[in-house]
Each structure stands twice: as C-alpha cells, then as structure tokens.
Protein backbone atom coordinates (compact mmCIF):
# COMPACT_ATOMS: atom_id res chain seq x y z
CA MET A 1 73.02 114.33 -156.60
CA PHE A 2 74.18 110.92 -155.56
CA VAL A 3 72.57 107.77 -154.31
CA VAL A 4 74.98 105.61 -152.35
CA PHE A 5 74.26 102.04 -151.43
CA LEU A 6 76.44 100.72 -148.57
CA ARG A 7 76.01 97.02 -148.79
CA PHE A 8 77.13 94.78 -146.00
CA SER A 9 80.20 92.59 -146.75
CA ALA A 10 81.27 89.45 -145.06
CA ARG A 11 82.57 91.68 -142.18
CA LYS A 12 79.02 92.56 -141.18
CA SER A 13 79.54 91.19 -137.79
CA GLU A 14 81.91 94.18 -136.97
CA ALA A 15 79.12 96.73 -137.39
CA PRO A 16 78.01 96.91 -133.72
CA ARG A 17 81.65 97.77 -132.62
CA LEU A 18 81.74 100.55 -135.11
CA MET A 19 78.23 101.90 -134.85
CA ALA A 20 78.78 104.81 -132.69
CA ALA A 21 81.58 106.17 -134.98
CA HIS A 22 79.47 105.51 -138.04
CA ASN A 23 76.52 107.42 -136.46
CA ASP A 24 79.06 110.42 -135.88
CA TRP A 25 80.03 110.18 -139.52
CA ILE A 26 76.37 110.39 -140.57
CA ARG A 27 75.72 113.33 -138.18
CA ARG A 28 78.55 115.25 -139.79
CA GLY A 29 77.13 114.62 -143.20
CA PHE A 30 73.79 116.29 -142.11
CA ASP A 31 75.62 119.08 -140.07
CA ASP A 32 77.59 119.79 -143.27
CA GLY A 33 74.32 119.88 -145.48
CA VAL A 34 75.50 117.15 -147.75
CA PHE A 35 73.14 114.22 -146.67
CA LEU A 36 69.54 114.63 -147.42
CA THR A 37 68.43 111.33 -146.04
CA VAL A 38 70.01 108.04 -144.85
CA GLY A 39 68.39 104.67 -144.13
CA ALA A 40 68.70 100.90 -143.99
CA LEU A 41 68.37 98.72 -146.94
CA GLN A 42 65.84 96.12 -146.09
CA PRO A 43 66.15 93.28 -145.03
CA SER A 44 69.31 94.05 -143.18
CA ALA A 45 71.33 94.55 -146.25
CA GLY A 46 73.28 97.67 -145.31
CA GLY A 47 72.25 101.29 -145.80
CA ALA A 48 71.76 104.08 -148.31
CA VAL A 49 72.57 107.73 -148.47
CA LEU A 50 71.17 110.49 -150.63
CA ALA A 51 73.85 113.25 -150.92
CA HIS A 52 74.00 116.49 -152.79
CA GLY A 53 76.16 119.63 -153.25
CA LEU A 54 79.62 118.11 -153.69
CA SER A 55 81.69 116.47 -156.45
CA ARG A 56 81.98 112.66 -156.84
CA GLU A 57 85.60 113.09 -155.64
CA ALA A 58 84.58 114.72 -152.47
CA LEU A 59 81.76 112.21 -151.86
CA GLU A 60 84.47 109.37 -152.42
CA ALA A 61 86.59 111.06 -149.81
CA ARG A 62 83.77 111.50 -147.42
CA LEU A 63 82.86 107.84 -147.80
CA ALA A 64 86.37 106.84 -147.08
CA GLU A 65 85.95 108.49 -143.67
CA ASP A 66 83.05 106.27 -142.87
CA PRO A 67 84.33 103.70 -140.24
CA PHE A 68 82.06 101.21 -141.91
CA VAL A 69 83.83 101.65 -145.14
CA ALA A 70 87.22 102.09 -143.70
CA GLU A 71 86.95 98.70 -141.81
CA GLY A 72 85.42 96.96 -144.84
CA VAL A 73 82.02 96.29 -143.09
CA VAL A 74 80.29 97.81 -146.06
CA GLU A 75 81.09 98.30 -149.75
CA PRO A 76 79.87 101.61 -151.14
CA GLU A 77 78.27 101.81 -154.69
CA ILE A 78 77.81 105.38 -155.99
CA PHE A 79 75.15 106.24 -158.55
CA GLU A 80 75.16 109.87 -159.79
CA ILE A 81 71.63 111.45 -160.88
CA SER A 82 71.15 114.47 -162.87
CA PRO A 83 67.58 115.53 -161.74
CA SER A 84 65.63 117.20 -164.54
CA ARG A 85 62.21 117.29 -162.65
CA ALA A 86 61.33 117.13 -158.95
CA ASP A 87 58.33 117.66 -156.67
CA ALA A 88 58.22 121.35 -155.70
CA ARG A 89 59.61 120.33 -152.20
CA LEU A 90 62.82 119.31 -153.90
CA ASP A 91 63.25 122.07 -156.57
CA PHE A 92 66.69 122.80 -155.03
CA LEU A 93 68.03 119.49 -156.53
CA VAL A 94 67.15 120.41 -160.09
CA ALA A 95 69.99 122.13 -161.87
C-alpha cells in the first residue's frame, strides 16, 4: 500500500487549467481499483492518494500520467506502508 503526497510546486497557478484532466486521471485510478481515497492537503498544499494493489514501479508510471505531475504543478512523494494490522473494514490491506 502506498501513501502519495502531491505537493504543489511554484507552478500551482497552472492547476485550474489542468483540473479536468487531473480529475479524469483520478477517476481512472478508482475505476482500476488502485485508489482507495484521494483528497486535498490542507491548507491548499496539494493532494494525497492512498493506493494499493500495484508495484512501486507501476505506481510511479501511473503518477507520471497525472497531468499535474507531467506539467510540474505538483511534486509526488511516495511512501510505502506494509500494514500489519487494520480495522476489520480494511482487512484486505493486511498481507
């Protein structure tokens, strides 16, 4: 499982122009069953993604397809988590 922080860069002002394409990218992540949740980093610092079911390399390739990443609007930071315990609702994440 991965937590990805998408922190705004100095090119943050380009975000509105790319928002529709970025939202399409997010939708594909959910449709593919990779994204568990996405949301904004507060206050207005970027976004975060909780992803699972893929390798780090596959996640990096998926991130490269995000228009925000491709255009340098955000800089991704990837953290891998190996869950050892979870609430029963999240048991599918525990290996």
